């Protein structure tokens, strides 16, 4: 048996409705010869004439009457599948997006994103979760729509787009008794430090750079998050290294100040990542475009 072609089924349906091959061709926007060819292939496929010419036009045979409901339902299901992929309209959409973010991004990016959504996509909701070792699998499974941060582990099977580049600064209490406007290598080595171990932030490259420079930090506390570090630094004599954009925000919230580190620290790219399975999804594509419009361009958001 030959394989059924979708266009053959459409010809069958139109001939059924119009009782005419020429009218079926006209409604489908194809040549009459093409419609006749499709009908002949259907006849060969089903080993039946399907339609016979009568005074009332092309009338179905008993076998055509038998198979018509199934063929019509097949066409209807295909049409429903096609219509299910409607263009994403942010103004009317009711959808919840789940985004993997670092704790830094929740502070730096999320307020601006939510403000934008409130104006442009009031029916869109956002649910966040912290970047973790499971983020890659959750992106692949569709449990997460987007991941934002420094995640070089997301390579095969994932798309990535740089939003902006980021570097590091030191943060100290505004009235730190031993550190003035400039931080020397000796003062850095002599000071006690807070260190943050947070995935997806690029902070691992800080540790590697300091180790290569032969500097051993006196670590007083290791924190799992950046969120409370400004309050801790403001009330102690600790030094902490943070991404510049976060330091600028924290300096407006607590009595802390930014100082340039006494040695060069590498910059890193903050990217948005998504899995190839959802690259063509209209809603996902809209969210990615929105993130790029709000935070793209290479410069850190301010």
C-alpha atoms as a PDB file:
ATOM      1  CA  UNK A   1       0.000   0.000   0.000  1.00  0.00           C
ATOM      2  CA  UNK A   2       1.172   3.500  -0.819  1.00  0.00           C
ATOM      3  CA  UNK A   3       1.559   6.019   1.967  1.00  0.00           C
ATOM      4  CA  UNK A   4      -1.303   8.417   2.516  1.00  0.00           C
ATOM      5  CA  UNK A   5      -0.491  12.020   1.696  1.00  0.00           C
ATOM      6  CA  UNK A   6      -2.113  14.819   3.693  1.00  0.00           C
ATOM      7  CA  UNK A   7      -2.992  16.699   0.504  1.00  0.00           C
ATOM      8  CA  UNK A   8      -4.877  13.633  -0.786  1.00  0.00           C
ATOM      9  CA  UNK A   9      -7.044  13.690   2.327  1.00  0.00           C
ATOM     10  CA  UNK A  10      -7.817  17.370   1.804  1.00  0.00           C
ATOM     11  CA  UNK A  11      -8.858  16.642  -1.777  1.00  0.00           C
ATOM     12  CA  UNK A  12     -11.117  13.828  -0.540  1.00  0.00           C
ATOM     13  CA  UNK A  13     -12.727  16.157   1.995  1.00  0.00           C
ATOM     14  CA  UNK A  14     -13.323  18.945  -0.511  1.00  0.00           C
ATOM     15  CA  UNK A  15     -14.765  16.603  -3.156  1.00  0.00           C
ATOM     16  CA  UNK A  16     -17.033  15.197  -0.437  1.00  0.00           C
ATOM     17  CA  UNK A  17     -18.265  18.683   0.415  1.00  0.00           C
ATOM     18  CA  UNK A  18     -18.532  20.144  -3.106  1.00  0.00           C
ATOM     19  CA  UNK A  19     -19.333  17.029  -5.180  1.00  0.00           C
ATOM     20  CA  UNK A  20     -16.901  18.429  -7.736  1.00  0.00           C
ATOM     21  CA  UNK A  21     -13.209  17.899  -8.480  1.00  0.00           C
ATOM     22  CA  UNK A  22     -12.898  21.325 -10.103  1.00  0.00           C
ATOM     23  CA  UNK A  23     -14.521  23.109  -7.146  1.00  0.00           C
ATOM     24  CA  UNK A  24     -12.345  21.129  -4.723  1.00  0.00           C
ATOM     25  CA  UNK A  25      -9.241  22.236  -6.618  1.00  0.00           C
ATOM     26  CA  UNK A  26     -10.415  25.853  -6.597  1.00  0.00           C
ATOM     27  CA  UNK A  27     -11.049  25.837  -2.837  1.00  0.00           C
ATOM     28  CA  UNK A  28      -7.652  24.258  -2.194  1.00  0.00           C
ATOM     29  CA  UNK A  29      -5.869  26.656  -4.535  1.00  0.00           C
ATOM     30  CA  UNK A  30      -4.422  23.914  -6.720  1.00  0.00           C
ATOM     31  CA  UNK A  31      -4.785  22.956 -10.396  1.00  0.00           C
ATOM     32  CA  UNK A  32      -7.672  20.668 -11.322  1.00  0.00           C
ATOM     33  CA  UNK A  33      -5.164  18.203 -12.753  1.00  0.00           C
ATOM     34  CA  UNK A  34      -3.410  18.048  -9.356  1.00  0.00           C
ATOM     35  CA  UNK A  35      -6.726  17.366  -7.627  1.00  0.00           C
ATOM     36  CA  UNK A  36      -7.540  14.606 -10.131  1.00  0.00           C
ATOM     37  CA  UNK A  37      -4.118  13.057  -9.595  1.00  0.00           C
ATOM     38  CA  UNK A  38      -4.617  13.101  -5.806  1.00  0.00           C
ATOM     39  CA  UNK A  39      -8.040  11.480  -6.177  1.00  0.00           C
ATOM     40  CA  UNK A  40      -6.609   8.758  -8.426  1.00  0.00           C
ATOM     41  CA  UNK A  41      -3.894   8.034  -5.850  1.00  0.00           C
ATOM     42  CA  UNK A  42      -6.542   7.776  -3.133  1.00  0.00           C
ATOM     43  CA  UNK A  43      -8.498   5.351  -5.310  1.00  0.00           C
ATOM     44  CA  UNK A  44      -5.397   3.210  -5.728  1.00  0.00           C
ATOM     45  CA  UNK A  45      -4.640   3.384  -2.019  1.00  0.00           C
ATOM     46  CA  UNK A  46      -8.127   2.265  -0.944  1.00  0.00           C
ATOM     47  CA  UNK A  47      -8.726   0.062  -4.001  1.00  0.00           C
ATOM     48  CA  UNK A  48     -12.083   1.744  -4.529  1.00  0.00           C
ATOM     49  CA  UNK A  49     -13.481   4.382  -6.885  1.00  0.00           C
ATOM     50  CA  UNK A  50     -14.517   6.494  -3.836  1.00  0.00           C
ATOM     51  CA  UNK A  51     -16.544   8.961  -5.967  1.00  0.00           C
ATOM     52  CA  UNK A  52     -18.582   8.374  -9.112  1.00  0.00           C
ATOM     53  CA  UNK A  53     -19.882  10.993 -11.517  1.00  0.00           C
ATOM     54  CA  UNK A  54     -23.696  11.343 -11.395  1.00  0.00           C
ATOM     55  CA  UNK A  55     -26.320  13.891 -12.358  1.00  0.00           C
ATOM     56  CA  UNK A  56     -25.803  15.386  -8.876  1.00  0.00           C
ATOM     57  CA  UNK A  57     -22.033  15.607  -9.270  1.00  0.00           C
ATOM     58  CA  UNK A  58     -19.349  13.414  -7.751  1.00  0.00           C
ATOM     59  CA  UNK A  59     -21.140  11.177  -5.264  1.00  0.00           C
ATOM     60  CA  UNK A  60     -19.377   8.909  -2.706  1.00  0.00           C
ATOM     61  CA  UNK A  61     -19.312   5.157  -2.994  1.00  0.00           C
ATOM     62  CA  UNK A  62     -20.357   3.021  -0.010  1.00  0.00           C
ATOM     63  CA  UNK A  63     -16.685   2.547   0.916  1.00  0.00           C
ATOM     64  CA  UNK A  64     -16.101   6.303   0.791  1.00  0.00           C
ATOM     65  CA  UNK A  65     -19.082   6.785   3.097  1.00  0.00           C
ATOM     66  CA  UNK A  66     -17.591   4.228   5.464  1.00  0.00           C
ATOM     67  CA  UNK A  67     -14.130   5.825   5.706  1.00  0.00           C
ATOM     68  CA  UNK A  68     -15.186   9.495   5.559  1.00  0.00           C
ATOM     69  CA  UNK A  69     -15.715   9.982   9.329  1.00  0.00           C
ATOM     70  CA  UNK A  70     -12.238   8.621  10.111  1.00  0.00           C
ATOM     71  CA  UNK A  71     -10.571  10.723   7.405  1.00  0.00           C
ATOM     72  CA  UNK A  72     -12.432  13.847   8.534  1.00  0.00           C
ATOM     73  CA  UNK A  73     -11.390  13.263  12.139  1.00  0.00           C
ATOM     74  CA  UNK A  74      -7.771  12.799  11.055  1.00  0.00           C
ATOM     75  CA  UNK A  75      -7.874  16.160   9.269  1.00  0.00           C
ATOM     76  CA  UNK A  76      -9.533  17.779  12.278  1.00  0.00           C
ATOM     77  CA  UNK A  77      -6.848  16.470  14.644  1.00  0.00           C
ATOM     78  CA  UNK A  78      -4.094  17.756  12.362  1.00  0.00           C
ATOM     79  CA  UNK A  79      -5.779  21.157  12.258  1.00  0.00           C
ATOM     80  CA  UNK A  80      -6.088  21.225  16.051  1.00  0.00           C
ATOM     81  CA  UNK A  81      -2.397  20.383  16.366  1.00  0.00           C
ATOM     82  CA  UNK A  82      -1.526  23.174  13.953  1.00  0.00           C
ATOM     83  CA  UNK A  83      -3.760  25.714  15.682  1.00  0.00           C
ATOM     84  CA  UNK A  84      -2.368  24.812  19.119  1.00  0.00           C
ATOM     85  CA  UNK A  85       0.831  26.652  18.236  1.00  0.00           C
ATOM     86  CA  UNK A  86      -0.553  30.147  18.217  1.00  0.00           C
ATOM     87  CA  UNK A  87       1.695  33.169  18.345  1.00  0.00           C
ATOM     88  CA  UNK A  88       2.514  34.177  21.922  1.00  0.00           C
ATOM     89  CA  UNK A  89       0.785  37.455  22.761  1.00  0.00           C
ATOM     90  CA  UNK A  90       2.265  38.843  25.989  1.00  0.00           C
ATOM     91  CA  UNK A  91      -0.614  41.269  26.465  1.00  0.00           C
ATOM     92  CA  UNK A  92      -3.176  38.451  26.770  1.00  0.00           C
ATOM     93  CA  UNK A  93      -1.056  35.404  27.638  1.00  0.00           C
ATOM     94  CA  UNK A  94      -1.723  33.458  30.833  1.00  0.00           C
ATOM     95  CA  UNK A  95       1.487  31.551  31.432  1.00  0.00           C
ATOM     96  CA  UNK A  96       3.931  30.842  34.221  1.00  0.00           C
ATOM     97  CA  UNK A  97       7.634  30.820  33.401  1.00  0.00           C
ATOM     98  CA  UNK A  98      10.163  29.137  35.675  1.00  0.00           C
ATOM     99  CA  UNK A  99      13.628  30.695  35.645  1.00  0.00           C
ATOM    100  CA  UNK A 100      16.839  29.416  37.256  1.00  0.00           C
ATOM    101  CA  UNK A 101      18.661  32.397  38.751  1.00  0.00           C
ATOM    102  CA  UNK A 102      21.597  32.990  41.022  1.00  0.00           C
ATOM    103  CA  UNK A 103      20.874  34.869  44.207  1.00  0.00           C
ATOM    104  CA  UNK A 104      22.735  37.796  42.606  1.00  0.00           C
ATOM    105  CA  UNK A 105      20.401  37.801  39.609  1.00  0.00           C
ATOM    106  CA  UNK A 106      17.365  37.785  41.903  1.00  0.00           C
ATOM    107  CA  UNK A 107      18.636  41.052  43.371  1.00  0.00           C
ATOM    108  CA  UNK A 108      19.998  42.624  40.178  1.00  0.00           C
ATOM    109  CA  UNK A 109      17.735  41.416  37.366  1.00  0.00           C
ATOM    110  CA  UNK A 110      14.436  40.214  38.788  1.00  0.00           C
ATOM    111  CA  UNK A 111      12.994  43.594  39.957  1.00  0.00           C
ATOM    112  CA  UNK A 112      13.423  45.127  36.504  1.00  0.00           C
ATOM    113  CA  UNK A 113      12.009  42.047  34.779  1.00  0.00           C
ATOM    114  CA  UNK A 114       8.944  41.970  37.033  1.00  0.00           C
ATOM    115  CA  UNK A 115       8.329  45.680  36.519  1.00  0.00           C
ATOM    116  CA  UNK A 116       8.434  45.141  32.748  1.00  0.00           C
ATOM    117  CA  UNK A 117       6.067  42.157  32.918  1.00  0.00           C
ATOM    118  CA  UNK A 118       3.619  44.088  35.048  1.00  0.00           C
ATOM    119  CA  UNK A 119       3.280  46.646  32.266  1.00  0.00           C
ATOM    120  CA  UNK A 120       3.660  44.512  29.139  1.00  0.00           C
ATOM    121  CA  UNK A 121       2.485  41.021  30.157  1.00  0.00           C
ATOM    122  CA  UNK A 122       0.186  41.296  33.200  1.00  0.00           C
ATOM    123  CA  UNK A 123      -0.995  37.683  32.894  1.00  0.00           C
ATOM    124  CA  UNK A 124       2.521  36.241  32.946  1.00  0.00           C
ATOM    125  CA  UNK A 125       3.835  34.853  36.229  1.00  0.00           C
ATOM    126  CA  UNK A 126       7.438  34.081  37.152  1.00  0.00           C
ATOM    127  CA  UNK A 127       8.652  31.362  39.470  1.00  0.00           C
ATOM    128  CA  UNK A 128      12.359  31.286  40.342  1.00  0.00           C
ATOM    129  CA  UNK A 129      14.704  28.665  41.670  1.00  0.00           C
ATOM    130  CA  UNK A 130      18.387  28.864  42.523  1.00  0.00           C
ATOM    131  CA  UNK A 131      20.869  27.458  40.000  1.00  0.00           C
ATOM    132  CA  UNK A 132      21.988  23.981  41.056  1.00  0.00           C
ATOM    133  CA  UNK A 133      23.558  20.792  39.749  1.00  0.00           C
ATOM    134  CA  UNK A 134      20.089  19.720  38.616  1.00  0.00           C
ATOM    135  CA  UNK A 135      19.518  22.820  36.468  1.00  0.00           C
ATOM    136  CA  UNK A 136      20.717  21.184  33.231  1.00  0.00           C
ATOM    137  CA  UNK A 137      18.331  18.250  33.600  1.00  0.00           C
ATOM    138  CA  UNK A 138      15.440  20.523  34.537  1.00  0.00           C
ATOM    139  CA  UNK A 139      16.028  22.671  31.453  1.00  0.00           C
ATOM    140  CA  UNK A 140      16.117  19.550  29.290  1.00  0.00           C
ATOM    141  CA  UNK A 141      12.909  18.190  30.826  1.00  0.00           C
ATOM    142  CA  UNK A 142      11.088  21.494  30.416  1.00  0.00           C
ATOM    143  CA  UNK A 143      10.669  21.916  34.159  1.00  0.00           C
ATOM    144  CA  UNK A 144      12.628  25.166  33.816  1.00  0.00           C
ATOM    145  CA  UNK A 145      12.288  27.561  30.871  1.00  0.00           C
ATOM    146  CA  UNK A 146      15.464  29.586  31.252  1.00  0.00           C
ATOM    147  CA  UNK A 147      18.649  29.709  33.323  1.00  0.00           C
ATOM    148  CA  UNK A 148      20.612  32.914  33.860  1.00  0.00           C
ATOM    149  CA  UNK A 149      24.144  33.181  35.214  1.00  0.00           C
ATOM    150  CA  UNK A 150      27.661  31.923  34.629  1.00  0.00           C
ATOM    151  CA  UNK A 151      27.184  28.266  33.709  1.00  0.00           C
ATOM    152  CA  UNK A 152      29.923  26.954  31.402  1.00  0.00           C
ATOM    153  CA  UNK A 153      28.675  23.414  32.100  1.00  0.00           C
ATOM    154  CA  UNK A 154      25.685  24.060  29.838  1.00  0.00           C
ATOM    155  CA  UNK A 155      27.137  23.183  26.454  1.00  0.00           C
ATOM    156  CA  UNK A 156      25.881  20.260  24.330  1.00  0.00           C
ATOM    157  CA  UNK A 157      22.162  20.482  23.655  1.00  0.00           C
ATOM    158  CA  UNK A 158      21.827  24.000  25.059  1.00  0.00           C
ATOM    159  CA  UNK A 159      21.703  27.446  23.540  1.00  0.00           C
ATOM    160  CA  UNK A 160      23.402  30.354  25.271  1.00  0.00           C
ATOM    161  CA  UNK A 161      23.258  34.114  24.752  1.00  0.00           C
ATOM    162  CA  UNK A 162      25.478  36.629  26.522  1.00  0.00           C
ATOM    163  CA  UNK A 163      23.495  39.337  28.268  1.00  0.00           C
ATOM    164  CA  UNK A 164      26.370  41.320  29.748  1.00  0.00           C
ATOM    165  CA  UNK A 165      29.888  40.967  31.098  1.00  0.00           C
ATOM    166  CA  UNK A 166      30.762  41.352  34.750  1.00  0.00           C
ATOM    167  CA  UNK A 167      33.865  41.824  36.874  1.00  0.00           C
ATOM    168  CA  UNK A 168      34.634  41.809  40.595  1.00  0.00           C
ATOM    169  CA  UNK A 169      35.220  44.358  43.346  1.00  0.00           C
ATOM    170  CA  UNK A 170      35.931  44.212  47.052  1.00  0.00           C
ATOM    171  CA  UNK A 171      33.382  45.293  49.627  1.00  0.00           C
ATOM    172  CA  UNK A 172      34.298  46.564  53.110  1.00  0.00           C
ATOM    173  CA  UNK A 173      32.573  48.421  55.929  1.00  0.00           C
ATOM    174  CA  UNK A 174      32.323  52.148  55.286  1.00  0.00           C
ATOM    175  CA  UNK A 175      34.202  52.876  58.516  1.00  0.00           C
ATOM    176  CA  UNK A 176      36.704  49.987  58.294  1.00  0.00           C
ATOM    177  CA  UNK A 177      39.497  50.939  60.739  1.00  0.00           C
ATOM    178  CA  UNK A 178      42.457  49.631  58.698  1.00  0.00           C
ATOM    179  CA  UNK A 179      41.411  49.895  55.069  1.00  0.00           C
ATOM    180  CA  UNK A 180      41.253  53.322  53.484  1.00  0.00           C
ATOM    181  CA  UNK A 181      40.424  54.326  49.930  1.00  0.00           C
ATOM    182  CA  UNK A 182      42.913  51.871  48.452  1.00  0.00           C
ATOM    183  CA  UNK A 183      43.425  48.196  49.180  1.00  0.00           C
ATOM    184  CA  UNK A 184      47.002  46.901  48.992  1.00  0.00           C
ATOM    185  CA  UNK A 185      48.012  43.278  48.480  1.00  0.00           C
ATOM    186  CA  UNK A 186      49.353  43.191  52.037  1.00  0.00           C
ATOM    187  CA  UNK A 187      46.141  44.637  53.509  1.00  0.00           C
ATOM    188  CA  UNK A 188      44.144  42.131  51.464  1.00  0.00           C
ATOM    189  CA  UNK A 189      46.270  39.211  52.708  1.00  0.00           C
ATOM    190  CA  UNK A 190      46.189  40.451  56.321  1.00  0.00           C
ATOM    191  CA  UNK A 191      42.423  40.969  56.403  1.00  0.00           C
ATOM    192  CA  UNK A 192      39.837  38.384  57.377  1.00  0.00           C
ATOM    193  CA  UNK A 193      37.513  37.403  54.570  1.00  0.00           C
ATOM    194  CA  UNK A 194      33.987  36.270  53.909  1.00  0.00           C
ATOM    195  CA  UNK A 195      33.800  33.821  51.017  1.00  0.00           C
ATOM    196  CA  UNK A 196      30.640  32.904  49.147  1.00  0.00           C
ATOM    197  CA  UNK A 197      30.192  29.502  47.550  1.00  0.00           C
ATOM    198  CA  UNK A 198      27.239  30.066  45.222  1.00  0.00           C
ATOM    199  CA  UNK A 199      26.832  28.171  41.955  1.00  0.00           C
ATOM    200  CA  UNK A 200      26.294  29.982  38.688  1.00  0.00           C
ATOM    201  CA  UNK A 201      28.000  33.206  39.763  1.00  0.00           C
ATOM    202  CA  UNK A 202      31.483  32.828  38.310  1.00  0.00           C
ATOM    203  CA  UNK A 203      32.944  33.021  41.796  1.00  0.00           C
ATOM    204  CA  UNK A 204      35.041  29.885  41.238  1.00  0.00           C
ATOM    205  CA  UNK A 205      37.292  31.875  38.896  1.00  0.00           C
ATOM    206  CA  UNK A 206      38.038  34.255  41.779  1.00  0.00           C
ATOM    207  CA  UNK A 207      39.351  31.413  43.930  1.00  0.00           C
ATOM    208  CA  UNK A 208      41.515  30.114  41.078  1.00  0.00           C
ATOM    209  CA  UNK A 209      42.957  33.565  40.332  1.00  0.00           C
ATOM    210  CA  UNK A 210      43.822  34.221  43.976  1.00  0.00           C
ATOM    211  CA  UNK A 211      45.447  30.792  44.261  1.00  0.00           C
ATOM    212  CA  UNK A 212      47.552  31.418  41.137  1.00  0.00           C
ATOM    213  CA  UNK A 213      48.632  34.763  42.600  1.00  0.00           C
ATOM    214  CA  UNK A 214      50.021  32.898  45.618  1.00  0.00           C
ATOM    215  CA  UNK A 215      47.732  34.670  48.072  1.00  0.00           C
ATOM    216  CA  UNK A 216      46.175  32.734  50.914  1.00  0.00           C
ATOM    217  CA  UNK A 217      43.068  34.379  52.308  1.00  0.00           C
ATOM    218  CA  UNK A 218      42.234  34.232  55.992  1.00  0.00           C
ATOM    219  CA  UNK A 219      38.687  32.948  55.671  1.00  0.00           C
ATOM    220  CA  UNK A 220      36.544  33.799  58.681  1.00  0.00           C
ATOM    221  CA  UNK A 221      33.227  32.632  57.245  1.00  0.00           C
ATOM    222  CA  UNK A 222      31.958  30.743  54.205  1.00  0.00           C
ATOM    223  CA  UNK A 223      28.478  31.715  53.116  1.00  0.00           C
ATOM    224  CA  UNK A 224      26.096  29.882  50.811  1.00  0.00           C
ATOM    225  CA  UNK A 225      24.493  33.067  49.507  1.00  0.00           C
ATOM    226  CA  UNK A 226      25.301  36.690  48.709  1.00  0.00           C
ATOM    227  CA  UNK A 227      22.049  37.969  50.171  1.00  0.00           C
ATOM    228  CA  UNK A 228      23.215  38.651  53.715  1.00  0.00           C
ATOM    229  CA  UNK A 229      26.829  39.530  52.988  1.00  0.00           C
ATOM    230  CA  UNK A 230      26.433  43.334  53.010  1.00  0.00           C
ATOM    231  CA  UNK A 231      24.952  43.341  56.515  1.00  0.00           C
ATOM    232  CA  UNK A 232      27.738  41.042  57.726  1.00  0.00           C
ATOM    233  CA  UNK A 233      30.498  43.166  56.163  1.00  0.00           C
ATOM    234  CA  UNK A 234      28.951  46.413  57.441  1.00  0.00           C
ATOM    235  CA  UNK A 235      29.076  45.175  61.031  1.00  0.00           C
ATOM    236  CA  UNK A 236      32.507  43.516  60.922  1.00  0.00           C
ATOM    237  CA  UNK A 237      36.023  44.113  59.612  1.00  0.00           C
ATOM    238  CA  UNK A 238      35.686  41.454  56.928  1.00  0.00           C
ATOM    239  CA  UNK A 239      36.501  41.857  53.240  1.00  0.00           C
ATOM    240  CA  UNK A 240      34.411  40.167  50.588  1.00  0.00           C
ATOM    241  CA  UNK A 241      34.714  39.934  46.805  1.00  0.00           C
ATOM    242  CA  UNK A 242      31.454  40.397  44.921  1.00  0.00           C
ATOM    243  CA  UNK A 243      30.405  41.072  41.323  1.00  0.00           C
ATOM    244  CA  UNK A 244      30.518  44.802  40.662  1.00  0.00           C
ATOM    245  CA  UNK A 245      26.857  45.210  39.798  1.00  0.00           C
ATOM    246  CA  UNK A 246      25.851  43.571  43.086  1.00  0.00           C
ATOM    247  CA  UNK A 247      28.352  45.659  45.050  1.00  0.00           C
ATOM    248  CA  UNK A 248      26.863  48.842  43.602  1.00  0.00           C
ATOM    249  CA  UNK A 249      23.396  47.839  44.786  1.00  0.00           C
ATOM    250  CA  UNK A 250      24.561  46.694  48.226  1.00  0.00           C
ATOM    251  CA  UNK A 251      26.441  49.974  48.752  1.00  0.00           C
ATOM    252  CA  UNK A 252      23.104  51.804  48.537  1.00  0.00           C
ATOM    253  CA  UNK A 253      21.481  49.523  51.118  1.00  0.00           C
ATOM    254  CA  UNK A 254      24.128  49.140  53.827  1.00  0.00           C
ATOM    255  CA  UNK A 255      27.042  51.239  55.171  1.00  0.00           C
ATOM    256  CA  UNK A 256      29.615  49.505  52.957  1.00  0.00           C
ATOM    257  CA  UNK A 257      31.915  50.805  50.232  1.00  0.00           C
ATOM    258  CA  UNK A 258      33.469  49.434  47.070  1.00  0.00           C
ATOM    259  CA  UNK A 259      37.233  49.154  46.671  1.00  0.00           C
ATOM    260  CA  UNK A 260      39.083  47.861  43.641  1.00  0.00           C
ATOM    261  CA  UNK A 261      40.987  44.614  44.340  1.00  0.00           C
ATOM    262  CA  UNK A 262      44.791  44.902  44.529  1.00  0.00           C
ATOM    263  CA  UNK A 263      45.258  42.492  41.611  1.00  0.00           C
ATOM    264  CA  UNK A 264      43.490  41.811  38.325  1.00  0.00           C
ATOM    265  CA  UNK A 265      40.476  39.542  38.493  1.00  0.00           C
ATOM    266  CA  UNK A 266      38.983  38.135  35.276  1.00  0.00           C
ATOM    267  CA  UNK A 267      35.644  39.224  33.907  1.00  0.00           C
ATOM    268  CA  UNK A 268      32.980  36.695  33.007  1.00  0.00           C
ATOM    269  CA  UNK A 269      29.882  36.562  30.832  1.00  0.00           C
ATOM    270  CA  UNK A 270      26.411  36.420  32.333  1.00  0.00           C
ATOM    271  CA  UNK A 271      24.331  34.383  29.879  1.00  0.00           C
ATOM    272  CA  UNK A 272      20.811  33.109  29.478  1.00  0.00           C
ATOM    273  CA  UNK A 273      20.581  29.412  28.610  1.00  0.00           C
ATOM    274  CA  UNK A 274      17.769  27.284  27.201  1.00  0.00           C
ATOM    275  CA  UNK A 275      17.480  23.765  25.846  1.00  0.00           C
ATOM    276  CA  UNK A 276      17.281  23.023  22.132  1.00  0.00           C
ATOM    277  CA  UNK A 277      13.926  21.241  22.633  1.00  0.00           C
ATOM    278  CA  UNK A 278      12.258  24.570  23.400  1.00  0.00           C
ATOM    279  CA  UNK A 279      14.162  26.807  21.005  1.00  0.00           C
ATOM    280  CA  UNK A 280      11.122  27.194  18.705  1.00  0.00           C
ATOM    281  CA  UNK A 281       8.537  27.605  21.471  1.00  0.00           C
ATOM    282  CA  UNK A 282       6.928  31.026  20.972  1.00  0.00           C
ATOM    283  CA  UNK A 283       6.624  31.803  24.671  1.00  0.00           C
ATOM    284  CA  UNK A 284      10.183  30.786  25.444  1.00  0.00           C
ATOM    285  CA  UNK A 285      11.446  32.831  22.494  1.00  0.00           C
ATOM    286  CA  UNK A 286       9.494  35.859  23.721  1.00  0.00           C
ATOM    287  CA  UNK A 287      10.966  35.524  27.212  1.00  0.00           C
ATOM    288  CA  UNK A 288      14.488  35.308  25.771  1.00  0.00           C
ATOM    289  CA  UNK A 289      13.935  38.379  23.616  1.00  0.00           C
ATOM    290  CA  UNK A 290      12.606  40.251  26.626  1.00  0.00           C
ATOM    291  CA  UNK A 291      15.673  39.346  28.710  1.00  0.00           C
ATOM    292  CA  UNK A 292      17.984  40.414  25.879  1.00  0.00           C
ATOM    293  CA  UNK A 293      16.154  43.725  25.457  1.00  0.00           C
ATOM    294  CA  UNK A 294      16.247  44.491  29.165  1.00  0.00           C
ATOM    295  CA  UNK A 295      19.746  43.307  30.017  1.00  0.00           C
ATOM    296  CA  UNK A 296      21.620  42.726  26.753  1.00  0.00           C
ATOM    297  CA  UNK A 297      24.112  44.960  25.031  1.00  0.00           C
ATOM    298  CA  UNK A 298      27.223  43.849  26.890  1.00  0.00           C
ATOM    299  CA  UNK A 299      27.146  46.381  29.733  1.00  0.00           C
ATOM    300  CA  UNK A 300      26.054  45.338  33.201  1.00  0.00           C
ATOM    301  CA  UNK A 301      22.543  46.563  34.074  1.00  0.00           C
ATOM    302  CA  UNK A 302      22.453  49.709  36.105  1.00  0.00           C
END
